């Protein structure tokens, strides 16, 4: 499966409508992004059950801002609509393969349980306290 261009118009639909979605936030001027592109494309050919999306941060600045992208490339992984991984930096082929394997193996009932526990027990962050 080839990579798919994600935009503000289709991002939520793609993420919500697929079991596993990887997203590569990139830009044409970014050397590491261009170097990572063949690795990402090759991985997409191996995993037809995973959607490999690409967000051009220059063209989709609102989406990049909403995703809090501060450095590119940034890789995000979603499972059943839940963000389960986000990390700036290009991944070597073996690390990307490991990421795909781990995301597919997640126990989403446990992930959702942990998220529910965290959201109920979290205190305000230091940033929020500083704003008070």
C-alpha atoms as a PDB file:
ATOM      1  CA  UNK A   1       0.000   0.000   0.000  1.00  0.00           C
ATOM      2  CA  UNK A   2       1.362   3.403  -0.900  1.00  0.00           C
ATOM      3  CA  UNK A   3       1.380   6.348   1.416  1.00  0.00           C
ATOM      4  CA  UNK A   4      -1.654   8.611   1.572  1.00  0.00           C
ATOM      5  CA  UNK A   5      -1.700  12.395   1.729  1.00  0.00           C
ATOM      6  CA  UNK A   6      -3.474  13.618   4.853  1.00  0.00           C
ATOM      7  CA  UNK A   7      -5.063  17.056   5.081  1.00  0.00           C
ATOM      8  CA  UNK A   8      -7.225  18.954   7.541  1.00  0.00           C
ATOM      9  CA  UNK A   9     -10.204  17.708   5.517  1.00  0.00           C
ATOM     10  CA  UNK A  10      -9.468  13.957   5.745  1.00  0.00           C
ATOM     11  CA  UNK A  11      -7.210  13.506   8.806  1.00  0.00           C
ATOM     12  CA  UNK A  12      -9.885  12.733  11.414  1.00  0.00           C
ATOM     13  CA  UNK A  13     -11.789  10.444   9.049  1.00  0.00           C
ATOM     14  CA  UNK A  14      -8.666   8.436   8.163  1.00  0.00           C
ATOM     15  CA  UNK A  15      -7.525   8.123  11.783  1.00  0.00           C
ATOM     16  CA  UNK A  16     -10.978   7.170  13.074  1.00  0.00           C
ATOM     17  CA  UNK A  17     -11.803   4.862  10.174  1.00  0.00           C
ATOM     18  CA  UNK A  18      -8.746   2.603  10.285  1.00  0.00           C
ATOM     19  CA  UNK A  19      -7.320   0.246  12.882  1.00  0.00           C
ATOM     20  CA  UNK A  20      -3.672   1.345  12.622  1.00  0.00           C
ATOM     21  CA  UNK A  21      -2.552   4.653  11.125  1.00  0.00           C
ATOM     22  CA  UNK A  22       1.023   5.958  11.004  1.00  0.00           C
ATOM     23  CA  UNK A  23       1.510   9.626  10.193  1.00  0.00           C
ATOM     24  CA  UNK A  24       4.715  11.229   8.942  1.00  0.00           C
ATOM     25  CA  UNK A  25       4.792  15.005   9.409  1.00  0.00           C
ATOM     26  CA  UNK A  26       7.337  16.331   6.899  1.00  0.00           C
ATOM     27  CA  UNK A  27       8.273  19.244   4.618  1.00  0.00           C
ATOM     28  CA  UNK A  28       9.900  19.414   1.207  1.00  0.00           C
ATOM     29  CA  UNK A  29      12.789  21.549   2.492  1.00  0.00           C
ATOM     30  CA  UNK A  30      13.644  19.078   5.289  1.00  0.00           C
ATOM     31  CA  UNK A  31      16.666  16.909   4.490  1.00  0.00           C
ATOM     32  CA  UNK A  32      16.002  14.276   7.189  1.00  0.00           C
ATOM     33  CA  UNK A  33      12.372  14.088   5.995  1.00  0.00           C
ATOM     34  CA  UNK A  34      13.501  13.330   2.440  1.00  0.00           C
ATOM     35  CA  UNK A  35      16.019  10.768   3.704  1.00  0.00           C
ATOM     36  CA  UNK A  36      13.291   9.028   5.754  1.00  0.00           C
ATOM     37  CA  UNK A  37      10.735   8.938   2.907  1.00  0.00           C
ATOM     38  CA  UNK A  38      12.055   5.739   1.226  1.00  0.00           C
ATOM     39  CA  UNK A  39      12.085   3.901   4.591  1.00  0.00           C
ATOM     40  CA  UNK A  40       8.500   4.971   5.261  1.00  0.00           C
ATOM     41  CA  UNK A  41       7.401   4.010   1.745  1.00  0.00           C
ATOM     42  CA  UNK A  42       9.091   0.594   1.984  1.00  0.00           C
ATOM     43  CA  UNK A  43       7.353  -0.091   5.295  1.00  0.00           C
ATOM     44  CA  UNK A  44       4.006   0.839   3.740  1.00  0.00           C
ATOM     45  CA  UNK A  45       4.594  -1.832   1.074  1.00  0.00           C
ATOM     46  CA  UNK A  46       5.106  -4.482   3.792  1.00  0.00           C
ATOM     47  CA  UNK A  47       2.029  -3.696   5.883  1.00  0.00           C
ATOM     48  CA  UNK A  48      -1.106  -3.515   3.764  1.00  0.00           C
ATOM     49  CA  UNK A  49      -3.200  -3.534   6.955  1.00  0.00           C
ATOM     50  CA  UNK A  50      -1.706  -0.215   8.122  1.00  0.00           C
ATOM     51  CA  UNK A  51      -2.527   3.207   6.679  1.00  0.00           C
ATOM     52  CA  UNK A  52       0.628   5.259   6.110  1.00  0.00           C
ATOM     53  CA  UNK A  53      -0.274   8.931   5.971  1.00  0.00           C
ATOM     54  CA  UNK A  54       1.905  11.913   5.198  1.00  0.00           C
ATOM     55  CA  UNK A  55       1.236  15.489   6.279  1.00  0.00           C
ATOM     56  CA  UNK A  56       3.113  18.230   4.434  1.00  0.00           C
ATOM     57  CA  UNK A  57       3.586  20.721   7.270  1.00  0.00           C
ATOM     58  CA  UNK A  58       4.059  23.622   4.832  1.00  0.00           C
ATOM     59  CA  UNK A  59       0.772  22.925   3.048  1.00  0.00           C
ATOM     60  CA  UNK A  60      -1.143  21.856   6.173  1.00  0.00           C
ATOM     61  CA  UNK A  61       0.058  24.367   8.749  1.00  0.00           C
ATOM     62  CA  UNK A  62      -3.204  24.266  10.709  1.00  0.00           C
ATOM     63  CA  UNK A  63      -3.033  20.492  11.021  1.00  0.00           C
ATOM     64  CA  UNK A  64       0.646  20.614  12.026  1.00  0.00           C
ATOM     65  CA  UNK A  65      -0.196  23.234  14.648  1.00  0.00           C
ATOM     66  CA  UNK A  66      -3.143  21.226  15.973  1.00  0.00           C
ATOM     67  CA  UNK A  67      -0.842  18.187  16.267  1.00  0.00           C
ATOM     68  CA  UNK A  68       1.682  20.343  18.179  1.00  0.00           C
ATOM     69  CA  UNK A  69       4.464  19.607  15.687  1.00  0.00           C
ATOM     70  CA  UNK A  70       7.647  21.378  16.787  1.00  0.00           C
ATOM     71  CA  UNK A  71      10.228  19.366  14.840  1.00  0.00           C
ATOM     72  CA  UNK A  72      10.148  17.372  11.622  1.00  0.00           C
ATOM     73  CA  UNK A  73      10.051  14.668  10.709  1.00  0.00           C
ATOM     74  CA  UNK A  74       7.664  13.612  13.460  1.00  0.00           C
ATOM     75  CA  UNK A  75       6.092  10.175  13.422  1.00  0.00           C
ATOM     76  CA  UNK A  76       2.749   9.516  15.092  1.00  0.00           C
ATOM     77  CA  UNK A  77       0.935   6.207  15.451  1.00  0.00           C
ATOM     78  CA  UNK A  78      -2.774   5.820  16.078  1.00  0.00           C
ATOM     79  CA  UNK A  79      -4.542   2.594  17.014  1.00  0.00           C
ATOM     80  CA  UNK A  80      -8.336   2.517  16.931  1.00  0.00           C
ATOM     81  CA  UNK A  81      -8.327   6.327  16.801  1.00  0.00           C
ATOM     82  CA  UNK A  82      -6.099   6.692  19.885  1.00  0.00           C
ATOM     83  CA  UNK A  83      -2.691   8.367  19.658  1.00  0.00           C
ATOM     84  CA  UNK A  84      -0.296   5.734  21.019  1.00  0.00           C
ATOM     85  CA  UNK A  85       3.086   7.060  19.827  1.00  0.00           C
ATOM     86  CA  UNK A  86       4.555  10.416  18.839  1.00  0.00           C
ATOM     87  CA  UNK A  87       8.234  11.143  18.383  1.00  0.00           C
ATOM     88  CA  UNK A  88      10.264  13.622  16.376  1.00  0.00           C
ATOM     89  CA  UNK A  89      13.110  12.282  14.269  1.00  0.00           C
ATOM     90  CA  UNK A  90      13.484   9.843  11.427  1.00  0.00           C
ATOM     91  CA  UNK A  91      13.453   6.186  12.417  1.00  0.00           C
ATOM     92  CA  UNK A  92      15.832   3.632  10.919  1.00  0.00           C
ATOM     93  CA  UNK A  93      14.084   0.748   9.098  1.00  0.00           C
ATOM     94  CA  UNK A  94      14.387  -1.716  12.014  1.00  0.00           C
ATOM     95  CA  UNK A  95      12.980   0.803  14.515  1.00  0.00           C
ATOM     96  CA  UNK A  96      10.046   1.622  12.226  1.00  0.00           C
ATOM     97  CA  UNK A  97       9.334  -2.089  11.810  1.00  0.00           C
ATOM     98  CA  UNK A  98       9.468  -2.526  15.595  1.00  0.00           C
ATOM     99  CA  UNK A  99       7.067   0.398  16.054  1.00  0.00           C
ATOM    100  CA  UNK A 100       4.540  -1.120  13.625  1.00  0.00           C
ATOM    101  CA  UNK A 101       4.786  -4.494  15.377  1.00  0.00           C
ATOM    102  CA  UNK A 102       4.304  -2.947  18.820  1.00  0.00           C
ATOM    103  CA  UNK A 103       1.338  -0.821  17.744  1.00  0.00           C
ATOM    104  CA  UNK A 104      -0.377  -3.847  16.191  1.00  0.00           C
ATOM    105  CA  UNK A 105       0.199  -5.865  19.387  1.00  0.00           C
ATOM    106  CA  UNK A 106      -1.240  -3.297  21.809  1.00  0.00           C
ATOM    107  CA  UNK A 107      -4.040  -4.388  24.122  1.00  0.00           C
ATOM    108  CA  UNK A 108      -6.369  -1.486  23.410  1.00  0.00           C
ATOM    109  CA  UNK A 109      -8.689  -2.330  26.300  1.00  0.00           C
ATOM    110  CA  UNK A 110      -5.717  -1.855  28.622  1.00  0.00           C
ATOM    111  CA  UNK A 111      -4.655   1.347  26.818  1.00  0.00           C
ATOM    112  CA  UNK A 112      -8.150   2.809  27.158  1.00  0.00           C
ATOM    113  CA  UNK A 113      -8.262   1.796  30.829  1.00  0.00           C
ATOM    114  CA  UNK A 114      -4.927   3.533  31.489  1.00  0.00           C
ATOM    115  CA  UNK A 115      -6.074   6.651  29.637  1.00  0.00           C
ATOM    116  CA  UNK A 116      -9.265   6.768  31.695  1.00  0.00           C
ATOM    117  CA  UNK A 117      -7.278   6.417  34.925  1.00  0.00           C
ATOM    118  CA  UNK A 118      -4.850   9.150  33.888  1.00  0.00           C
ATOM    119  CA  UNK A 119      -7.548  11.604  32.871  1.00  0.00           C
ATOM    120  CA  UNK A 120      -9.377  11.123  36.157  1.00  0.00           C
ATOM    121  CA  UNK A 121      -6.317  11.425  38.393  1.00  0.00           C
ATOM    122  CA  UNK A 122      -4.197  14.078  36.695  1.00  0.00           C
ATOM    123  CA  UNK A 123      -3.340  17.282  38.474  1.00  0.00           C
ATOM    124  CA  UNK A 124      -2.795  20.526  36.613  1.00  0.00           C
ATOM    125  CA  UNK A 125       0.535  20.684  34.861  1.00  0.00           C
ATOM    126  CA  UNK A 126       3.299  23.044  35.901  1.00  0.00           C
ATOM    127  CA  UNK A 127       2.417  25.184  32.942  1.00  0.00           C
ATOM    128  CA  UNK A 128      -1.194  25.474  34.110  1.00  0.00           C
ATOM    129  CA  UNK A 129      -0.079  26.272  37.649  1.00  0.00           C
ATOM    130  CA  UNK A 130       2.296  28.931  36.381  1.00  0.00           C
ATOM    131  CA  UNK A 131      -0.597  30.554  34.525  1.00  0.00           C
ATOM    132  CA  UNK A 132      -2.740  30.742  37.675  1.00  0.00           C
END
